[in-house]
Structures are given as structure tokens and as C-alpha cells.
């Protein structure tokens, strides 16, 4: 999961760079999307850390939720950066 967070951080850096180079409404749009994605990243990171305290009874459910969350964030991130 840490490598997923690292990958997302790189995409956020790339998105920030695009926003700095953009003008007008495009700059505002990219900045807003970066802010939104950063919030999703922070929530994901907190959920990843919750795996440390997951019990055997809740592990599978927690892991499945985090995997789905990662898939959604990754898809959003890829669309924004590329």
C-alpha cells in the first residue's frame, strides 16, 4: 500500500506542476482537482493505517474496502494527470 501512496504522491506533484503552468480557468480547475485528490489521498492513507489495527475477523472486509478505494483514487488520479 505504501507504494500506492508513493505513486499517488507523484501524480499529485505532476498535477501541481500542470496547474502552475496553466492559465486562467484551467489553472483554477487543476488546482481544485489537486486539492480534492489530496483530500482523497489523505483519507486513503488513514484507511491504510487502519489495517494495522484490523482484527482477523475484520481483515478481509477492511482490505476489500481499501482495495476498492485505491482503485477509485487511482482511476481519478490517472485521468487528471494524463
N, C-alpha and C. Protein backbone atom coordinates (compact mmCIF):
# COMPACT_ATOMS: atom_id res chain seq x y z
N UNK A 1 0.81 -1.19 0.00
CA UNK A 1 0.00 0.00 0.00
C UNK A 1 0.87 1.27 0.00
N UNK A 2 2.04 1.16 0.61
CA UNK A 2 2.91 2.33 0.63
C UNK A 2 3.34 2.72 -0.78
N UNK A 3 3.59 1.73 -1.62
CA UNK A 3 3.96 2.06 -3.00
C UNK A 3 2.80 2.73 -3.73
N UNK A 4 1.57 2.36 -3.40
CA UNK A 4 0.40 3.03 -3.97
C UNK A 4 0.37 4.50 -3.55
N UNK A 5 0.63 4.75 -2.28
CA UNK A 5 0.66 6.13 -1.79
C UNK A 5 1.79 6.92 -2.46
N UNK A 6 2.94 6.29 -2.63
CA UNK A 6 4.06 6.95 -3.30
C UNK A 6 3.71 7.31 -4.74
N UNK A 7 3.05 6.40 -5.43
CA UNK A 7 2.62 6.64 -6.80
C UNK A 7 1.62 7.80 -6.86
N UNK A 8 0.70 7.81 -5.94
CA UNK A 8 -0.29 8.88 -5.88
C UNK A 8 0.37 10.22 -5.58
N UNK A 9 1.34 10.22 -4.69
CA UNK A 9 2.07 11.45 -4.39
C UNK A 9 2.77 11.99 -5.63
N UNK A 10 3.33 11.10 -6.43
CA UNK A 10 3.99 11.53 -7.67
C UNK A 10 2.96 12.15 -8.62
N UNK A 11 1.82 11.53 -8.74
CA UNK A 11 0.77 12.07 -9.61
C UNK A 11 0.30 13.44 -9.11
N UNK A 12 0.21 13.59 -7.80
CA UNK A 12 -0.18 14.89 -7.25
C UNK A 12 0.87 15.95 -7.56
N UNK A 13 2.13 15.58 -7.47
CA UNK A 13 3.20 16.51 -7.82
C UNK A 13 3.09 16.92 -9.28
N UNK A 14 2.85 15.94 -10.16
CA UNK A 14 2.69 16.24 -11.59
C UNK A 14 1.48 17.15 -11.83
N UNK A 15 0.40 16.89 -11.12
CA UNK A 15 -0.80 17.70 -11.28
C UNK A 15 -0.56 19.14 -10.79
N UNK A 16 0.16 19.27 -9.68
CA UNK A 16 0.51 20.61 -9.18
C UNK A 16 1.36 21.36 -10.21
N UNK A 17 2.28 20.65 -10.84
CA UNK A 17 3.12 21.27 -11.87
C UNK A 17 2.28 21.74 -13.06
N UNK A 18 1.35 20.90 -13.49
CA UNK A 18 0.45 21.29 -14.58
C UNK A 18 -0.35 22.53 -14.21
N UNK A 19 -0.82 22.57 -12.97
CA UNK A 19 -1.63 23.71 -12.51
C UNK A 19 -0.80 24.99 -12.51
N UNK A 20 0.46 24.90 -12.08
CA UNK A 20 1.32 26.09 -12.06
C UNK A 20 1.58 26.62 -13.46
N UNK A 21 1.62 25.74 -14.45
CA UNK A 21 1.91 26.14 -15.83
C UNK A 21 0.66 26.62 -16.57
N UNK A 22 -0.52 26.29 -16.05
CA UNK A 22 -1.77 26.63 -16.73
C UNK A 22 -2.15 28.09 -16.48
N UNK A 23 -3.10 28.55 -17.29
CA UNK A 23 -3.60 29.92 -17.16
C UNK A 23 -5.09 29.91 -16.85
N UNK A 24 -5.55 30.99 -16.24
CA UNK A 24 -6.97 31.27 -16.07
C UNK A 24 -7.78 30.16 -15.47
N UNK A 25 -8.90 29.85 -16.14
CA UNK A 25 -9.84 28.88 -15.60
C UNK A 25 -9.26 27.47 -15.55
N UNK A 26 -8.36 27.16 -16.46
CA UNK A 26 -7.72 25.84 -16.45
C UNK A 26 -6.86 25.69 -15.20
N UNK A 27 -6.17 26.75 -14.82
CA UNK A 27 -5.34 26.72 -13.62
C UNK A 27 -6.22 26.48 -12.39
N UNK A 28 -7.33 27.21 -12.30
CA UNK A 28 -8.25 27.06 -11.18
C UNK A 28 -8.82 25.65 -11.12
N UNK A 29 -9.21 25.12 -12.28
CA UNK A 29 -9.76 23.77 -12.35
C UNK A 29 -8.74 22.74 -11.86
N UNK A 30 -7.51 22.82 -12.35
CA UNK A 30 -6.47 21.87 -11.95
C UNK A 30 -6.12 21.99 -10.47
N UNK A 31 -6.10 23.21 -9.98
CA UNK A 31 -5.81 23.43 -8.56
C UNK A 31 -6.92 22.82 -7.69
N UNK A 32 -8.16 23.02 -8.09
CA UNK A 32 -9.28 22.44 -7.34
C UNK A 32 -9.26 20.92 -7.37
N UNK A 33 -8.93 20.36 -8.53
CA UNK A 33 -8.87 18.91 -8.63
C UNK A 33 -7.72 18.35 -7.80
N UNK A 34 -6.60 19.04 -7.77
CA UNK A 34 -5.47 18.60 -6.95
C UNK A 34 -5.84 18.63 -5.48
N UNK A 35 -6.55 19.66 -5.07
CA UNK A 35 -6.99 19.76 -3.67
C UNK A 35 -7.93 18.61 -3.33
N UNK A 36 -8.86 18.32 -4.21
CA UNK A 36 -9.79 17.21 -3.99
C UNK A 36 -9.06 15.87 -3.93
N UNK A 37 -8.15 15.67 -4.86
CA UNK A 37 -7.40 14.42 -4.89
C UNK A 37 -6.52 14.28 -3.65
N UNK A 38 -5.96 15.37 -3.20
CA UNK A 38 -5.12 15.34 -1.99
C UNK A 38 -5.96 14.94 -0.77
N UNK A 39 -7.19 15.41 -0.70
CA UNK A 39 -8.10 15.03 0.39
C UNK A 39 -8.40 13.54 0.33
N UNK A 40 -8.64 13.03 -0.87
CA UNK A 40 -8.89 11.59 -1.04
C UNK A 40 -7.66 10.79 -0.65
N UNK A 41 -6.49 11.30 -1.00
CA UNK A 41 -5.23 10.63 -0.67
C UNK A 41 -5.06 10.54 0.85
N UNK A 42 -5.36 11.63 1.54
CA UNK A 42 -5.22 11.65 3.00
C UNK A 42 -6.18 10.67 3.66
N UNK A 43 -7.40 10.61 3.16
CA UNK A 43 -8.38 9.65 3.69
C UNK A 43 -7.93 8.22 3.43
N UNK A 44 -7.39 7.98 2.24
CA UNK A 44 -6.88 6.65 1.90
C UNK A 44 -5.73 6.27 2.82
N UNK A 45 -4.81 7.20 3.06
CA UNK A 45 -3.68 6.93 3.93
C UNK A 45 -4.15 6.56 5.34
N UNK A 46 -5.16 7.26 5.83
CA UNK A 46 -5.71 6.93 7.15
C UNK A 46 -6.31 5.54 7.15
N UNK A 47 -7.00 5.19 6.08
CA UNK A 47 -7.59 3.85 5.98
C UNK A 47 -6.51 2.77 5.91
N UNK A 48 -5.44 3.06 5.20
CA UNK A 48 -4.33 2.10 5.11
C UNK A 48 -3.77 1.84 6.50
N UNK A 49 -3.63 2.90 7.27
CA UNK A 49 -3.11 2.74 8.63
C UNK A 49 -4.08 1.96 9.51
N UNK A 50 -5.36 1.95 9.16
CA UNK A 50 -6.33 1.18 9.94
C UNK A 50 -6.11 -0.32 9.78
N UNK A 51 -5.39 -0.71 8.74
CA UNK A 51 -5.07 -2.13 8.58
C UNK A 51 -4.23 -2.65 9.75
N UNK A 52 -3.44 -1.75 10.34
CA UNK A 52 -2.60 -2.15 11.46
C UNK A 52 -3.41 -2.63 12.65
N UNK A 53 -4.62 -2.12 12.79
CA UNK A 53 -5.44 -2.47 13.94
C UNK A 53 -6.60 -3.39 13.57
N UNK A 54 -6.68 -3.80 12.33
CA UNK A 54 -7.76 -4.70 11.91
C UNK A 54 -7.58 -6.06 12.58
N UNK A 55 -8.67 -6.59 13.04
CA UNK A 55 -8.65 -7.92 13.64
C UNK A 55 -8.78 -8.96 12.54
N UNK A 56 -8.52 -10.19 12.90
CA UNK A 56 -8.66 -11.28 11.93
C UNK A 56 -10.08 -11.33 11.38
N UNK A 57 -11.04 -11.01 12.22
CA UNK A 57 -12.44 -11.06 11.81
C UNK A 57 -12.80 -9.94 10.83
N UNK A 58 -12.09 -8.82 10.90
CA UNK A 58 -12.42 -7.69 10.03
C UNK A 58 -11.41 -7.47 8.90
N UNK A 59 -10.34 -8.24 8.90
CA UNK A 59 -9.26 -8.03 7.93
C UNK A 59 -9.75 -8.07 6.49
N UNK A 60 -10.45 -9.13 6.11
CA UNK A 60 -10.88 -9.28 4.72
C UNK A 60 -11.78 -8.13 4.27
N UNK A 61 -12.71 -7.75 5.13
CA UNK A 61 -13.62 -6.66 4.80
C UNK A 61 -12.86 -5.33 4.69
N UNK A 62 -11.96 -5.09 5.61
CA UNK A 62 -11.18 -3.85 5.59
C UNK A 62 -10.29 -3.81 4.36
N UNK A 63 -9.64 -4.90 4.06
CA UNK A 63 -8.75 -4.98 2.90
C UNK A 63 -9.53 -4.77 1.60
N UNK A 64 -10.69 -5.37 1.49
CA UNK A 64 -11.51 -5.21 0.29
C UNK A 64 -11.95 -3.76 0.12
N UNK A 65 -12.32 -3.11 1.21
CA UNK A 65 -12.74 -1.70 1.17
C UNK A 65 -11.58 -0.82 0.72
N UNK A 66 -10.40 -1.08 1.25
CA UNK A 66 -9.23 -0.29 0.90
C UNK A 66 -8.82 -0.53 -0.55
N UNK A 67 -8.89 -1.77 -1.00
CA UNK A 67 -8.57 -2.06 -2.40
C UNK A 67 -9.52 -1.32 -3.35
N UNK A 68 -10.82 -1.31 -3.02
CA UNK A 68 -11.79 -0.61 -3.85
C UNK A 68 -11.52 0.90 -3.83
N UNK A 69 -11.23 1.42 -2.65
CA UNK A 69 -10.93 2.85 -2.52
C UNK A 69 -9.70 3.20 -3.36
N UNK A 70 -8.68 2.35 -3.32
CA UNK A 70 -7.48 2.60 -4.12
C UNK A 70 -7.80 2.60 -5.61
N UNK A 71 -8.60 1.66 -6.03
CA UNK A 71 -8.96 1.58 -7.45
C UNK A 71 -9.64 2.87 -7.92
N UNK A 72 -10.54 3.40 -7.10
CA UNK A 72 -11.24 4.64 -7.45
C UNK A 72 -10.28 5.83 -7.49
N UNK A 73 -9.42 5.93 -6.48
CA UNK A 73 -8.47 7.04 -6.43
C UNK A 73 -7.49 6.95 -7.59
N UNK A 74 -7.00 5.78 -7.88
CA UNK A 74 -6.03 5.58 -8.97
C UNK A 74 -6.64 5.97 -10.30
N UNK A 75 -7.87 5.57 -10.52
CA UNK A 75 -8.56 5.91 -11.77
C UNK A 75 -8.69 7.43 -11.90
N UNK A 76 -9.12 8.08 -10.85
CA UNK A 76 -9.26 9.53 -10.86
C UNK A 76 -7.93 10.21 -11.09
N UNK A 77 -6.93 9.74 -10.39
CA UNK A 77 -5.58 10.32 -10.50
C UNK A 77 -5.04 10.19 -11.92
N UNK A 78 -5.17 9.02 -12.50
CA UNK A 78 -4.66 8.79 -13.86
C UNK A 78 -5.35 9.71 -14.87
N UNK A 79 -6.65 9.91 -14.72
CA UNK A 79 -7.38 10.77 -15.64
C UNK A 79 -6.93 12.22 -15.52
N UNK A 80 -6.62 12.66 -14.30
CA UNK A 80 -6.25 14.05 -14.09
C UNK A 80 -4.83 14.36 -14.57
N UNK A 81 -3.94 13.42 -14.37
CA UNK A 81 -2.53 13.68 -14.70
C UNK A 81 -2.26 13.49 -16.18
N UNK A 82 -2.89 12.54 -16.80
CA UNK A 82 -2.57 12.26 -18.22
C UNK A 82 -3.57 12.98 -19.03
